């Protein structure tokens, strides 16, 4: 796969996350996540920006064009991140207004569709 969008102008994000970085950062200690490979039982550490993703996961080839959904997911994450930070801070959902609830719902649905076995 080439690294250009369908328009040919923009570089595509090549490492695509299944779990957003801002979520992973909540589980990091000293900026690193502890990872266990369940197949080999090896343990290692990764920074959140290199964890829970793979190359071209959300990039799709359609004919000669490559479409990337990563930036669309990033847009929804950007809207949801402050809402999730508020929930973590207050440990409550009661203060969310209807638009925040709708944004959170969209984020959850997007995460559900973004998983590896969704196809």
N, C-alpha and C. Protein backbone atom coordinates (compact mmCIF):
# COMPACT_ATOMS: atom_id res chain seq x y z
N UNK A 1 0.83 -1.19 0.00
CA UNK A 1 0.00 0.00 0.00
C UNK A 1 0.87 1.25 0.00
N UNK A 2 0.47 2.17 -0.80
CA UNK A 2 1.17 3.44 -0.81
C UNK A 2 0.68 4.31 0.33
N UNK A 3 1.39 5.36 0.60
CA UNK A 3 1.03 6.21 1.74
C UNK A 3 0.33 7.48 1.35
N UNK A 4 -0.53 7.45 0.34
CA UNK A 4 -1.26 8.66 -0.05
C UNK A 4 -2.75 8.40 0.00
N UNK A 5 -3.50 9.45 0.24
CA UNK A 5 -4.95 9.35 0.28
C UNK A 5 -5.51 9.20 -1.12
N UNK A 6 -6.82 9.00 -1.21
CA UNK A 6 -7.47 8.86 -2.50
C UNK A 6 -7.23 10.07 -3.38
N UNK A 7 -7.10 11.26 -2.78
CA UNK A 7 -6.84 12.47 -3.56
C UNK A 7 -5.39 12.54 -4.03
N UNK A 8 -4.52 11.73 -3.42
CA UNK A 8 -3.12 11.70 -3.80
C UNK A 8 -2.27 12.76 -3.15
N UNK A 9 -2.87 13.63 -2.34
CA UNK A 9 -2.13 14.75 -1.77
C UNK A 9 -1.65 14.51 -0.35
N UNK A 10 -2.45 13.89 0.47
CA UNK A 10 -2.15 13.79 1.89
C UNK A 10 -1.51 12.45 2.22
N UNK A 11 -0.58 12.51 3.15
CA UNK A 11 -0.01 11.27 3.67
C UNK A 11 -1.04 10.58 4.55
N UNK A 12 -1.16 9.28 4.39
CA UNK A 12 -2.08 8.51 5.23
C UNK A 12 -1.39 8.14 6.53
N UNK A 13 -2.15 8.12 7.63
CA UNK A 13 -1.58 7.55 8.86
C UNK A 13 -1.38 6.06 8.65
N UNK A 14 -0.18 5.56 8.88
CA UNK A 14 0.10 4.14 8.60
C UNK A 14 -0.12 3.25 9.83
N UNK A 15 0.18 3.75 11.04
CA UNK A 15 -0.07 2.96 12.25
C UNK A 15 -1.43 3.38 12.78
N UNK A 16 -2.38 2.46 12.74
CA UNK A 16 -3.76 2.75 13.13
C UNK A 16 -4.10 2.00 14.41
N UNK A 17 -4.68 2.73 15.37
CA UNK A 17 -5.01 2.15 16.67
C UNK A 17 -6.39 1.50 16.69
N UNK A 18 -6.53 0.42 17.46
CA UNK A 18 -7.86 -0.14 17.78
C UNK A 18 -8.40 0.58 19.00
N UNK A 19 -7.51 0.95 19.90
CA UNK A 19 -7.87 1.66 21.13
C UNK A 19 -7.19 3.02 21.08
N UNK A 20 -7.92 4.10 21.25
CA UNK A 20 -7.33 5.44 21.15
C UNK A 20 -6.21 5.66 22.17
N UNK A 21 -5.24 6.46 21.75
CA UNK A 21 -4.11 6.76 22.62
C UNK A 21 -4.54 7.40 23.93
N UNK A 22 -5.52 8.30 23.89
CA UNK A 22 -5.92 8.98 25.13
C UNK A 22 -6.52 8.00 26.13
N UNK A 23 -7.11 6.92 25.67
CA UNK A 23 -7.62 5.88 26.57
C UNK A 23 -6.44 5.10 27.14
N UNK A 24 -5.51 4.70 26.28
CA UNK A 24 -4.36 3.93 26.72
C UNK A 24 -3.52 4.68 27.75
N UNK A 25 -3.43 6.00 27.59
CA UNK A 25 -2.62 6.80 28.52
C UNK A 25 -3.14 6.71 29.95
N UNK A 26 -4.42 6.41 30.12
CA UNK A 26 -4.97 6.25 31.47
C UNK A 26 -4.46 4.98 32.16
N UNK A 27 -3.87 4.07 31.40
CA UNK A 27 -3.36 2.82 31.95
C UNK A 27 -1.83 2.80 32.00
N UNK A 28 -1.19 3.86 31.54
CA UNK A 28 0.27 3.90 31.49
C UNK A 28 0.85 4.29 32.85
N UNK A 29 2.00 3.73 33.13
CA UNK A 29 2.75 4.10 34.33
C UNK A 29 4.11 4.59 33.85
N UNK A 30 4.46 5.80 34.24
CA UNK A 30 5.70 6.44 33.79
C UNK A 30 5.76 6.47 32.26
N UNK A 31 4.60 6.69 31.62
CA UNK A 31 4.53 6.82 30.17
C UNK A 31 4.60 5.52 29.40
N UNK A 32 4.53 4.40 30.09
CA UNK A 32 4.64 3.11 29.41
C UNK A 32 3.51 2.18 29.84
N UNK A 33 3.09 1.34 28.90
CA UNK A 33 2.09 0.30 29.18
C UNK A 33 2.80 -1.03 29.36
N UNK A 34 2.36 -1.83 30.30
CA UNK A 34 2.88 -3.18 30.46
C UNK A 34 2.04 -4.10 29.58
N UNK A 35 2.70 -4.82 28.71
CA UNK A 35 2.04 -5.66 27.71
C UNK A 35 2.40 -7.12 27.99
N UNK A 36 1.42 -7.99 27.85
CA UNK A 36 1.64 -9.43 27.91
C UNK A 36 1.18 -10.03 26.60
N UNK A 37 2.09 -10.66 25.88
CA UNK A 37 1.73 -11.39 24.67
C UNK A 37 1.17 -12.74 25.12
N UNK A 38 -0.13 -12.93 24.97
CA UNK A 38 -0.77 -14.13 25.51
C UNK A 38 -0.38 -15.39 24.74
N UNK A 39 0.18 -15.24 23.55
CA UNK A 39 0.60 -16.43 22.79
C UNK A 39 1.98 -16.92 23.22
N UNK A 40 2.88 -15.96 23.48
CA UNK A 40 4.25 -16.35 23.86
C UNK A 40 4.50 -16.19 25.35
N UNK A 41 3.57 -15.52 26.06
CA UNK A 41 3.70 -15.20 27.47
C UNK A 41 4.87 -14.27 27.77
N UNK A 42 5.35 -13.57 26.75
CA UNK A 42 6.42 -12.60 26.95
C UNK A 42 5.82 -11.28 27.41
N UNK A 43 6.51 -10.63 28.33
CA UNK A 43 6.09 -9.33 28.85
C UNK A 43 7.05 -8.27 28.33
N UNK A 44 6.50 -7.10 28.00
CA UNK A 44 7.32 -6.00 27.54
C UNK A 44 6.56 -4.70 27.77
N UNK A 45 7.21 -3.59 27.52
CA UNK A 45 6.59 -2.28 27.73
C UNK A 45 6.58 -1.52 26.40
N UNK A 46 5.51 -0.74 26.20
CA UNK A 46 5.37 0.10 25.02
C UNK A 46 4.78 1.44 25.42
N UNK A 47 5.14 2.50 24.72
CA UNK A 47 4.44 3.76 24.93
C UNK A 47 3.05 3.67 24.29
N UNK A 48 2.07 4.40 24.79
CA UNK A 48 0.71 4.32 24.25
C UNK A 48 0.61 4.54 22.74
N UNK A 49 1.47 5.38 22.18
CA UNK A 49 1.36 5.65 20.74
C UNK A 49 1.76 4.45 19.88
N UNK A 50 2.41 3.44 20.47
CA UNK A 50 2.82 2.25 19.71
C UNK A 50 2.04 0.99 20.12
N UNK A 51 1.04 1.14 20.96
CA UNK A 51 0.30 -0.02 21.46
C UNK A 51 -1.10 -0.10 20.86
N UNK A 52 -1.66 -1.28 20.88
CA UNK A 52 -3.06 -1.53 20.49
C UNK A 52 -3.38 -1.00 19.09
N UNK A 53 -2.56 -1.36 18.14
CA UNK A 53 -2.81 -0.97 16.76
C UNK A 53 -1.94 -1.78 15.83
N UNK A 54 -2.10 -1.51 14.56
CA UNK A 54 -1.24 -2.16 13.57
C UNK A 54 -1.21 -1.33 12.30
N UNK A 55 -0.27 -1.64 11.48
CA UNK A 55 -0.07 -0.91 10.22
C UNK A 55 -1.28 -1.08 9.30
N UNK A 56 -1.81 0.03 8.84
CA UNK A 56 -2.90 0.08 7.84
C UNK A 56 -4.19 -0.61 8.27
N UNK A 57 -4.42 -0.71 9.57
CA UNK A 57 -5.63 -1.38 10.06
C UNK A 57 -6.91 -0.72 9.56
N UNK A 58 -6.93 0.61 9.51
CA UNK A 58 -8.15 1.31 9.08
C UNK A 58 -7.99 1.92 7.69
N UNK A 59 -7.00 1.49 6.95
CA UNK A 59 -6.80 1.94 5.58
C UNK A 59 -7.34 0.86 4.65
N UNK A 60 -8.15 1.27 3.67
CA UNK A 60 -8.82 0.32 2.78
C UNK A 60 -8.48 0.67 1.34
N UNK A 61 -8.09 -0.34 0.57
CA UNK A 61 -7.83 -0.14 -0.85
C UNK A 61 -9.13 -0.33 -1.62
N UNK A 62 -9.45 0.67 -2.45
CA UNK A 62 -10.61 0.61 -3.33
C UNK A 62 -10.08 0.91 -4.73
N UNK A 63 -9.91 -0.13 -5.53
CA UNK A 63 -9.28 0.05 -6.84
C UNK A 63 -7.85 0.50 -6.65
N UNK A 64 -7.51 1.63 -7.26
CA UNK A 64 -6.16 2.18 -7.13
C UNK A 64 -6.04 3.17 -5.98
N UNK A 65 -7.15 3.46 -5.32
CA UNK A 65 -7.16 4.44 -4.24
C UNK A 65 -7.10 3.75 -2.88
N UNK A 66 -6.58 4.48 -1.92
CA UNK A 66 -6.57 4.01 -0.53
C UNK A 66 -7.34 5.02 0.29
N UNK A 67 -8.32 4.52 1.01
CA UNK A 67 -9.12 5.36 1.89
C UNK A 67 -8.73 5.06 3.33
N UNK A 68 -8.55 6.10 4.11
CA UNK A 68 -8.20 5.92 5.52
C UNK A 68 -9.33 6.43 6.39
N UNK A 69 -9.70 5.64 7.38
CA UNK A 69 -10.72 6.03 8.34
C UNK A 69 -10.09 6.55 9.63
N UNK A 70 -8.78 6.49 9.74
CA UNK A 70 -8.10 6.87 10.98
C UNK A 70 -8.40 8.32 11.38
N UNK A 71 -8.38 9.23 10.42
CA UNK A 71 -8.65 10.64 10.76
C UNK A 71 -10.10 10.84 11.18
N UNK A 72 -11.02 10.05 10.65
CA UNK A 72 -12.43 10.13 11.07
C UNK A 72 -12.55 9.66 12.52
N UNK A 73 -11.86 8.57 12.85
CA UNK A 73 -11.86 8.10 14.24
C UNK A 73 -11.22 9.14 15.15
N UNK A 74 -10.14 9.76 14.70
CA UNK A 74 -9.47 10.77 15.50
C UNK A 74 -10.40 11.94 15.79
N UNK A 75 -11.22 12.32 14.84
CA UNK A 75 -12.18 13.41 15.04
C UNK A 75 -13.16 13.06 16.17
N UNK A 76 -13.71 11.86 16.15
CA UNK A 76 -14.65 11.44 17.19
C UNK A 76 -13.94 11.34 18.55
N UNK A 77 -12.70 10.85 18.54
CA UNK A 77 -11.91 10.77 19.77
C UNK A 77 -11.68 12.15 20.37
N UNK A 78 -11.39 13.13 19.52
CA UNK A 78 -11.14 14.49 19.97
C UNK A 78 -12.37 15.07 20.66
N UNK A 79 -13.55 14.75 20.13
CA UNK A 79 -14.79 15.21 20.75
C UNK A 79 -15.07 14.48 22.07
N UNK A 80 -14.75 13.19 22.12
CA UNK A 80 -15.08 12.38 23.29
C UNK A 80 -14.06 12.51 24.43
N UNK A 81 -12.81 12.82 24.12
CA UNK A 81 -11.75 12.83 25.14
C UNK A 81 -12.07 13.73 26.34
N UNK A 82 -12.51 14.98 26.15
CA UNK A 82 -12.80 15.79 27.34
C UNK A 82 -14.00 15.28 28.13
N UNK A 83 -14.94 14.66 27.46
CA UNK A 83 -16.10 14.10 28.15
C UNK A 83 -15.66 12.93 29.02
N UNK A 84 -14.82 12.07 28.46
CA UNK A 84 -14.31 10.92 29.21
C UNK A 84 -13.43 11.40 30.37
N UNK A 85 -12.63 12.44 30.15
CA UNK A 85 -11.82 13.01 31.24
C UNK A 85 -12.71 13.53 32.36
N UNK A 86 -13.83 14.15 31.98
CA UNK A 86 -14.78 14.63 32.99
C UNK A 86 -15.37 13.46 33.78
N UNK A 87 -15.73 12.40 33.09
CA UNK A 87 -16.29 11.21 33.76
C UNK A 87 -15.26 10.62 34.72
N UNK A 88 -14.01 10.54 34.29
CA UNK A 88 -12.96 10.01 35.16
C UNK A 88 -12.78 10.92 36.38
N UNK A 89 -12.79 12.23 36.15
CA UNK A 89 -12.61 13.19 37.25
C UNK A 89 -13.74 13.18 38.26
N UNK A 90 -14.97 13.12 37.76
CA UNK A 90 -16.12 13.19 38.66
C UNK A 90 -16.61 11.81 39.09
N UNK A 91 -16.18 10.79 38.38
CA UNK A 91 -16.62 9.41 38.62
C UNK A 91 -18.13 9.30 38.54
N UNK A 92 -18.69 10.06 37.59
CA UNK A 92 -20.14 10.09 37.45
C UNK A 92 -20.53 10.44 36.02
N UNK A 93 -21.70 9.95 35.60
CA UNK A 93 -22.27 10.29 34.30
C UNK A 93 -23.39 11.32 34.43
N UNK A 94 -23.77 11.65 35.64
CA UNK A 94 -24.97 12.46 35.86
C UNK A 94 -24.85 13.89 35.35
N UNK A 95 -23.64 14.43 35.23
CA UNK A 95 -23.49 15.82 34.81
C UNK A 95 -23.46 15.99 33.29
N UNK A 96 -23.53 14.89 32.55
CA UNK A 96 -23.46 14.99 31.09
C UNK A 96 -24.75 15.56 30.51
N UNK A 97 -24.59 16.54 29.62
CA UNK A 97 -25.77 17.07 28.93
C UNK A 97 -26.10 16.16 27.74
N UNK A 98 -27.25 16.35 27.10
CA UNK A 98 -27.65 15.45 26.01
C UNK A 98 -26.63 15.37 24.86
N UNK A 99 -25.98 16.47 24.50
CA UNK A 99 -24.98 16.42 23.43
C UNK A 99 -23.75 15.62 23.85
N UNK A 100 -23.33 15.79 25.09
CA UNK A 100 -22.20 15.00 25.60
C UNK A 100 -22.56 13.52 25.63
N UNK A 101 -23.78 13.20 26.03
CA UNK A 101 -24.22 11.80 26.02
C UNK A 101 -24.20 11.24 24.59
N UNK A 102 -24.69 12.02 23.64
CA UNK A 102 -24.71 11.57 22.24
C UNK A 102 -23.29 11.38 21.72
N UNK A 103 -22.38 12.27 22.07
CA UNK A 103 -20.99 12.15 21.65
C UNK A 103 -20.36 10.90 22.25
N UNK A 104 -20.63 10.66 23.51
CA UNK A 104 -20.12 9.45 24.17
C UNK A 104 -20.68 8.19 23.52
N UNK A 105 -21.96 8.21 23.19
CA UNK A 105 -22.57 7.07 22.50
C UNK A 105 -21.90 6.83 21.15
N UNK A 106 -21.67 7.89 20.38
CA UNK A 106 -21.01 7.76 19.08
C UNK A 106 -19.61 7.18 19.24
N UNK A 107 -18.90 7.64 20.26
CA UNK A 107 -17.55 7.12 20.53
C UNK A 107 -17.60 5.62 20.82
N UNK A 108 -18.53 5.20 21.66
CA UNK A 108 -18.63 3.79 22.03
C UNK A 108 -18.98 2.94 20.81
N UNK A 109 -19.92 3.39 20.00
CA UNK A 109 -20.29 2.65 18.80
C UNK A 109 -19.10 2.57 17.84
N UNK A 110 -18.39 3.67 17.70
CA UNK A 110 -17.21 3.67 16.82
C UNK A 110 -16.18 2.67 17.32
N UNK A 111 -15.96 2.64 18.63
CA UNK A 111 -15.00 1.68 19.19
C UNK A 111 -15.46 0.24 18.95
N UNK A 112 -16.74 0.01 19.05
CA UNK A 112 -17.28 -1.33 18.82
C UNK A 112 -17.01 -1.76 17.38
N UNK A 113 -17.19 -0.86 16.44
CA UNK A 113 -16.98 -1.18 15.02
C UNK A 113 -15.51 -1.23 14.63
N UNK A 114 -14.66 -0.66 15.43
CA UNK A 114 -13.24 -0.55 15.12
C UNK A 114 -12.43 -1.78 15.50
N UNK A 115 -13.01 -2.70 16.19
CA UNK A 115 -12.24 -3.85 16.69
C UNK A 115 -11.82 -4.78 15.56
N UNK A 116 -10.85 -5.62 15.84
CA UNK A 116 -10.29 -6.50 14.82
C UNK A 116 -11.29 -7.52 14.28
N UNK A 117 -12.21 -7.99 15.09
CA UNK A 117 -13.12 -9.05 14.63
C UNK A 117 -14.47 -8.51 14.15
N UNK A 118 -14.56 -7.22 13.85
CA UNK A 118 -15.84 -6.62 13.45
C UNK A 118 -16.23 -6.98 12.03
N UNK A 119 -15.30 -7.40 11.22
CA UNK A 119 -15.61 -7.66 9.80
C UNK A 119 -16.43 -8.92 9.60
